[in-house]
Protein backbone atom coordinates (compact mmCIF):
# COMPACT_ATOMS: atom_id res chain seq x y z
CA MET A 1 68.50 112.94 -5.84
CA ALA A 2 68.67 114.04 -2.23
CA ASP A 3 69.20 111.55 0.56
CA THR A 4 66.10 110.62 2.55
CA ASN A 5 68.01 109.22 5.55
CA ARG A 6 67.29 111.54 8.49
CA LYS A 7 70.62 110.59 10.11
CA MET A 8 72.28 112.58 7.35
CA PHE A 9 71.19 115.74 9.23
CA ASP A 10 73.15 114.87 12.39
CA GLY A 11 76.31 116.79 11.45
CA VAL A 12 74.43 119.88 10.27
CA LEU A 13 72.25 119.92 13.39
CA ALA A 14 75.29 119.58 15.67
CA ALA A 15 76.98 122.49 13.87
CA MET A 16 73.86 124.65 14.11
CA ARG A 17 73.46 123.89 17.82
CA GLY A 18 77.12 124.74 18.38
CA PHE A 19 76.64 128.06 16.63
CA LEU A 20 73.51 128.83 18.66
CA ALA A 21 75.43 128.14 21.86
CA CYS A 22 77.61 131.13 20.94
CA CYS A 23 74.62 133.45 20.47
CA GLU A 24 73.51 134.86 23.80
CA GLY A 25 69.80 134.42 24.46
CA SER A 26 69.20 132.08 21.53
CA LYS A 27 67.31 128.84 21.86
CA GLU A 28 66.16 126.08 19.59
CA CYS A 29 62.38 126.13 19.31
CA GLY A 30 61.95 123.25 16.90
CA MET A 31 63.22 121.79 13.70
CA VAL A 32 61.88 120.75 10.32
CA CYS A 33 64.33 118.54 8.42
CA ALA A 34 63.27 118.29 4.79
CA SER A 35 64.87 115.00 3.80
CA GLY A 36 64.73 114.16 0.12
CA VAL A 37 64.69 117.85 -0.87
CA TYR A 38 67.69 119.22 -2.75
CA GLU A 39 66.84 120.91 -6.03
CA LYS A 40 65.23 124.35 -6.14
CA GLY A 41 61.46 124.13 -5.89
CA THR A 42 61.27 120.48 -4.86
CA VAL A 43 59.99 121.37 -1.39
CA LYS A 44 56.78 122.75 -2.95
CA GLY A 45 53.85 120.46 -2.36
CA THR A 46 55.55 118.49 0.40
CA LYS A 47 54.55 118.11 4.05
CA PHE A 48 57.58 120.20 5.04
CA ILE A 49 56.01 123.53 4.08
CA SER A 50 53.01 123.10 6.38
CA ALA A 51 55.24 121.67 9.14
CA ALA A 52 57.50 124.73 8.95
CA ARG A 53 54.50 127.07 8.97
CA LYS A 54 53.00 125.35 12.04
CA LEU A 55 56.32 125.47 13.84
CA GLY A 56 56.78 129.13 12.99
CA MET A 57 53.37 129.98 14.42
CA LYS A 58 54.45 128.51 17.78
CA VAL A 59 57.64 130.56 18.06
CA LYS A 60 57.29 133.54 20.38
């Protein structure tokens, strides 16, 4: 089972932000961290799908 502790994302987020710092013109526009999701298909039916869709609609 996947961990549901949001602090578990800290290392991954730091790495991603470090990578983005190397990409000229890039910026972080938001984040959806799907805690508790690990196995293929388990994200279906969760709040994370609609959250990602809403966030994607705001990106310009």
